[in-house]
Amino acid sequence: MKKDYDFSKWDWMDDNDFMTYNDLILRLRKDLNDPEFFAYDLFVPHDEEEYQEVLESTREMMEIIRKRKDKTMTLKKLVEMEKRTMNRD
């Protein structure tokens, strides 16, 4: 994200002159080679530099998800995660 970006605009999913949200999803699908990719609440970039940042962070996020050993979340796992989180000092 550009250091001088004005977050007071708060336009994460708003279309702009560079790209629409739909364009973003379509381009990410192509660049990630994942025709079914979808994400909600992504930052819609204002220029190519910002798009490259969104692309890189999305790649990193997908890599983290792929590396998880167990991708199924159960109520038991959620409770255990909550206990671990709440027990931190």
N, C-alpha and C. Protein backbone atom coordinates (compact mmCIF):
# COMPACT_ATOMS: atom_id res chain seq x y z
N MET A 1 0.85 -1.17 0.00
CA MET A 1 0.00 0.00 0.00
C MET A 1 0.89 1.23 0.00
N LYS A 2 0.55 2.17 -0.82
CA LYS A 2 1.32 3.40 -0.89
C LYS A 2 1.29 4.10 0.46
N LYS A 3 2.41 4.63 0.85
CA LYS A 3 2.49 5.30 2.15
C LYS A 3 1.62 6.54 2.21
N ASP A 4 1.41 7.18 1.07
CA ASP A 4 0.64 8.42 1.08
C ASP A 4 -0.85 8.21 0.79
N TYR A 5 -1.31 6.95 0.83
CA TYR A 5 -2.73 6.70 0.57
C TYR A 5 -3.58 7.28 1.68
N ASP A 6 -4.63 7.94 1.30
CA ASP A 6 -5.52 8.59 2.26
C ASP A 6 -6.62 7.61 2.68
N PHE A 7 -6.43 6.95 3.83
CA PHE A 7 -7.39 5.96 4.30
C PHE A 7 -8.70 6.59 4.76
N SER A 8 -8.73 7.90 4.88
CA SER A 8 -9.99 8.53 5.27
C SER A 8 -11.04 8.38 4.18
N LYS A 9 -10.61 8.06 2.96
CA LYS A 9 -11.55 7.83 1.87
C LYS A 9 -12.33 6.54 2.11
N TRP A 10 -11.69 5.57 2.73
CA TRP A 10 -12.28 4.28 3.09
C TRP A 10 -13.10 3.69 1.94
N ASP A 11 -12.41 3.42 0.84
CA ASP A 11 -13.09 2.91 -0.35
C ASP A 11 -12.59 1.53 -0.73
N TRP A 12 -12.50 0.64 0.22
CA TRP A 12 -11.94 -0.68 -0.01
C TRP A 12 -12.55 -1.40 -1.20
N MET A 13 -13.86 -1.44 -1.28
CA MET A 13 -14.51 -2.21 -2.33
C MET A 13 -15.12 -1.31 -3.41
N ASP A 14 -14.93 -0.03 -3.32
CA ASP A 14 -15.53 0.88 -4.28
C ASP A 14 -14.77 0.86 -5.60
N ASP A 15 -15.53 0.86 -6.69
CA ASP A 15 -14.92 0.98 -8.01
C ASP A 15 -14.26 2.35 -8.14
N ASN A 16 -13.26 2.42 -8.99
CA ASN A 16 -12.60 3.70 -9.24
C ASN A 16 -12.22 3.78 -10.72
N ASP A 17 -11.52 4.82 -11.09
CA ASP A 17 -11.17 5.03 -12.50
C ASP A 17 -10.23 3.97 -13.03
N PHE A 18 -9.46 3.34 -12.17
CA PHE A 18 -8.51 2.33 -12.61
C PHE A 18 -9.15 0.95 -12.76
N MET A 19 -10.00 0.59 -11.79
CA MET A 19 -10.50 -0.78 -11.77
C MET A 19 -11.81 -0.86 -10.98
N THR A 20 -12.66 -1.79 -11.39
CA THR A 20 -13.86 -2.10 -10.61
C THR A 20 -13.56 -3.32 -9.74
N TYR A 21 -14.43 -3.59 -8.78
CA TYR A 21 -14.23 -4.77 -7.94
C TYR A 21 -14.30 -6.03 -8.79
N ASN A 22 -15.24 -6.06 -9.73
CA ASN A 22 -15.38 -7.21 -10.61
C ASN A 22 -14.11 -7.39 -11.46
N ASP A 23 -13.57 -6.30 -11.99
CA ASP A 23 -12.32 -6.37 -12.75
C ASP A 23 -11.19 -6.95 -11.90
N LEU A 24 -11.16 -6.53 -10.64
CA LEU A 24 -10.12 -7.01 -9.73
C LEU A 24 -10.21 -8.52 -9.56
N ILE A 25 -11.41 -9.03 -9.31
CA ILE A 25 -11.59 -10.47 -9.13
C ILE A 25 -11.22 -11.22 -10.40
N LEU A 26 -11.66 -10.73 -11.54
CA LEU A 26 -11.35 -11.39 -12.81
C LEU A 26 -9.84 -11.41 -13.08
N ARG A 27 -9.19 -10.31 -12.80
CA ARG A 27 -7.74 -10.25 -13.04
C ARG A 27 -6.98 -11.13 -12.05
N LEU A 28 -7.40 -11.14 -10.80
CA LEU A 28 -6.76 -12.01 -9.82
C LEU A 28 -6.93 -13.48 -10.21
N ARG A 29 -8.11 -13.84 -10.68
CA ARG A 29 -8.32 -15.22 -11.13
C ARG A 29 -7.32 -15.59 -12.22
N LYS A 30 -7.11 -14.68 -13.15
CA LYS A 30 -6.17 -14.94 -14.24
C LYS A 30 -4.73 -14.99 -13.71
N ASP A 31 -4.32 -13.99 -12.95
CA ASP A 31 -2.94 -13.90 -12.48
C ASP A 31 -2.59 -14.98 -11.46
N LEU A 32 -3.57 -15.45 -10.73
CA LEU A 32 -3.35 -16.53 -9.75
C LEU A 32 -3.56 -17.90 -10.36
N ASN A 33 -4.01 -17.91 -11.61
CA ASN A 33 -4.31 -19.15 -12.31
C ASN A 33 -5.31 -19.99 -11.49
N ASP A 34 -6.34 -19.31 -11.02
CA ASP A 34 -7.37 -19.94 -10.19
C ASP A 34 -8.73 -19.42 -10.64
N PRO A 35 -9.36 -20.10 -11.61
CA PRO A 35 -10.61 -19.58 -12.18
C PRO A 35 -11.78 -19.48 -11.21
N GLU A 36 -11.67 -20.10 -10.06
CA GLU A 36 -12.75 -20.05 -9.08
C GLU A 36 -12.44 -19.13 -7.90
N PHE A 37 -11.31 -18.44 -7.93
CA PHE A 37 -10.93 -17.57 -6.83
C PHE A 37 -12.00 -16.51 -6.59
N PHE A 38 -12.30 -16.29 -5.32
CA PHE A 38 -13.14 -15.17 -4.92
C PHE A 38 -12.75 -14.75 -3.52
N ALA A 39 -12.80 -13.49 -3.28
CA ALA A 39 -12.56 -12.96 -1.94
C ALA A 39 -13.49 -11.78 -1.74
N TYR A 40 -13.87 -11.57 -0.53
CA TYR A 40 -14.75 -10.46 -0.19
C TYR A 40 -13.96 -9.41 0.56
N ASP A 41 -14.28 -8.16 0.29
CA ASP A 41 -13.69 -7.04 1.03
C ASP A 41 -12.22 -6.84 0.72
N LEU A 42 -11.86 -6.93 -0.54
CA LEU A 42 -10.49 -6.62 -0.96
C LEU A 42 -10.38 -5.14 -1.30
N PHE A 43 -9.20 -4.62 -1.17
CA PHE A 43 -8.90 -3.26 -1.55
C PHE A 43 -8.88 -3.16 -3.07
N VAL A 44 -9.67 -2.28 -3.65
CA VAL A 44 -9.66 -2.07 -5.11
C VAL A 44 -8.54 -1.07 -5.41
N PRO A 45 -7.51 -1.53 -6.14
CA PRO A 45 -6.36 -0.67 -6.39
C PRO A 45 -6.69 0.51 -7.30
N HIS A 46 -5.91 1.57 -7.15
CA HIS A 46 -6.08 2.78 -7.94
C HIS A 46 -5.10 2.87 -9.10
N ASP A 47 -4.11 1.99 -9.10
CA ASP A 47 -3.13 1.98 -10.19
C ASP A 47 -2.43 0.63 -10.22
N GLU A 48 -1.56 0.43 -11.18
CA GLU A 48 -0.89 -0.86 -11.35
C GLU A 48 -0.02 -1.22 -10.15
N GLU A 49 0.64 -0.25 -9.58
CA GLU A 49 1.49 -0.51 -8.41
C GLU A 49 0.65 -1.08 -7.25
N GLU A 50 -0.48 -0.48 -6.99
CA GLU A 50 -1.35 -0.98 -5.93
C GLU A 50 -1.89 -2.36 -6.28
N TYR A 51 -2.21 -2.59 -7.56
CA TYR A 51 -2.68 -3.91 -7.96
C TYR A 51 -1.63 -4.97 -7.66
N GLN A 52 -0.38 -4.68 -7.98
CA GLN A 52 0.69 -5.64 -7.73
C GLN A 52 0.82 -5.95 -6.24
N GLU A 53 0.56 -4.97 -5.39
CA GLU A 53 0.59 -5.18 -3.94
C GLU A 53 -0.57 -6.09 -3.52
N VAL A 54 -1.76 -5.86 -4.08
CA VAL A 54 -2.92 -6.71 -3.77
C VAL A 54 -2.64 -8.14 -4.24
N LEU A 55 -2.09 -8.26 -5.43
CA LEU A 55 -1.77 -9.58 -5.99
C LEU A 55 -0.78 -10.32 -5.09
N GLU A 56 0.27 -9.65 -4.67
CA GLU A 56 1.28 -10.29 -3.83
C GLU A 56 0.71 -10.70 -2.47
N SER A 57 -0.06 -9.82 -1.85
CA SER A 57 -0.63 -10.17 -0.55
C SER A 57 -1.65 -11.31 -0.68
N THR A 58 -2.37 -11.36 -1.79
CA THR A 58 -3.31 -12.45 -2.03
C THR A 58 -2.57 -13.76 -2.23
N ARG A 59 -1.47 -13.73 -2.95
CA ARG A 59 -0.64 -14.94 -3.12
C ARG A 59 -0.14 -15.44 -1.77
N GLU A 60 0.32 -14.53 -0.94
CA GLU A 60 0.81 -14.91 0.39
C GLU A 60 -0.31 -15.53 1.22
N MET A 61 -1.48 -14.94 1.17
CA MET A 61 -2.61 -15.46 1.93
C MET A 61 -2.98 -16.86 1.45
N MET A 62 -3.01 -17.05 0.14
CA MET A 62 -3.35 -18.36 -0.40
C MET A 62 -2.30 -19.41 -0.04
N GLU A 63 -1.05 -19.02 0.00
CA GLU A 63 0.02 -19.94 0.38
C GLU A 63 -0.13 -20.38 1.84
N ILE A 64 -0.47 -19.46 2.70
CA ILE A 64 -0.70 -19.79 4.11
C ILE A 64 -1.85 -20.78 4.23
N ILE A 65 -2.91 -20.53 3.50
CA ILE A 65 -4.08 -21.43 3.54
C ILE A 65 -3.71 -22.81 3.03
N ARG A 66 -2.96 -22.87 1.93
CA ARG A 66 -2.57 -24.17 1.35
C ARG A 66 -1.68 -24.98 2.29
N LYS A 67 -0.85 -24.30 3.08
CA LYS A 67 0.10 -25.00 3.95
C LYS A 67 -0.55 -25.54 5.22
N ARG A 68 -1.76 -25.11 5.51
CA ARG A 68 -2.42 -25.63 6.72
C ARG A 68 -2.60 -27.12 6.60
N LYS A 69 -2.28 -27.83 7.64
CA LYS A 69 -2.41 -29.28 7.64
C LYS A 69 -3.87 -29.70 7.66
N ASP A 70 -4.65 -29.04 8.47
CA ASP A 70 -6.06 -29.41 8.61
C ASP A 70 -6.90 -28.19 8.26
N LYS A 71 -7.58 -28.25 7.15
CA LYS A 71 -8.32 -27.10 6.66
C LYS A 71 -9.76 -27.05 7.15
N THR A 72 -10.19 -28.06 7.87
CA THR A 72 -11.56 -28.11 8.34
C THR A 72 -11.64 -27.56 9.76
N MET A 73 -12.48 -26.56 9.95
CA MET A 73 -12.65 -25.97 11.26
C MET A 73 -13.91 -26.56 11.88
N THR A 74 -13.78 -27.08 13.08
CA THR A 74 -14.92 -27.62 13.79
C THR A 74 -15.17 -26.77 15.02
N LEU A 75 -16.32 -26.97 15.62
CA LEU A 75 -16.64 -26.24 16.85
C LEU A 75 -15.61 -26.54 17.93
N LYS A 76 -15.20 -27.80 18.03
CA LYS A 76 -14.20 -28.18 19.03
C LYS A 76 -12.89 -27.41 18.80
N LYS A 77 -12.47 -27.31 17.55
CA LYS A 77 -11.23 -26.58 17.25
C LYS A 77 -11.37 -25.10 17.56
N LEU A 78 -12.55 -24.53 17.27
CA LEU A 78 -12.78 -23.13 17.59
C LEU A 78 -12.70 -22.87 19.09
N VAL A 79 -13.29 -23.77 19.87
CA VAL A 79 -13.25 -23.64 21.33
C VAL A 79 -11.82 -23.74 21.83
N GLU A 80 -11.05 -24.70 21.29
CA GLU A 80 -9.66 -24.84 21.68
C GLU A 80 -8.85 -23.60 21.32
N MET A 81 -9.10 -23.05 20.13
CA MET A 81 -8.39 -21.86 19.70
C MET A 81 -8.74 -20.68 20.61
N GLU A 82 -10.01 -20.57 20.99
CA GLU A 82 -10.43 -19.51 21.87
C GLU A 82 -9.74 -19.64 23.23
N LYS A 83 -9.66 -20.85 23.75
CA LYS A 83 -9.00 -21.06 25.05
C LYS A 83 -7.53 -20.67 24.98
N ARG A 84 -6.85 -21.07 23.92
CA ARG A 84 -5.43 -20.69 23.76
C ARG A 84 -5.27 -19.19 23.67
N THR A 85 -6.17 -18.55 22.94
CA THR A 85 -6.09 -17.11 22.75
C THR A 85 -6.39 -16.37 24.05
N MET A 86 -7.39 -16.82 24.77
CA MET A 86 -7.80 -16.14 26.00
C MET A 86 -6.81 -16.37 27.12
N ASN A 87 -6.01 -17.42 27.05
CA ASN A 87 -5.04 -17.73 28.11
C ASN A 87 -3.72 -16.99 27.94
N ARG A 88 -3.59 -16.23 26.89
CA ARG A 88 -2.35 -15.48 26.69
C ARG A 88 -2.31 -14.28 27.61
N ASP A 89 -1.14 -13.99 28.11
CA ASP A 89 -0.98 -12.83 29.02
C ASP A 89 -0.64 -11.60 28.24
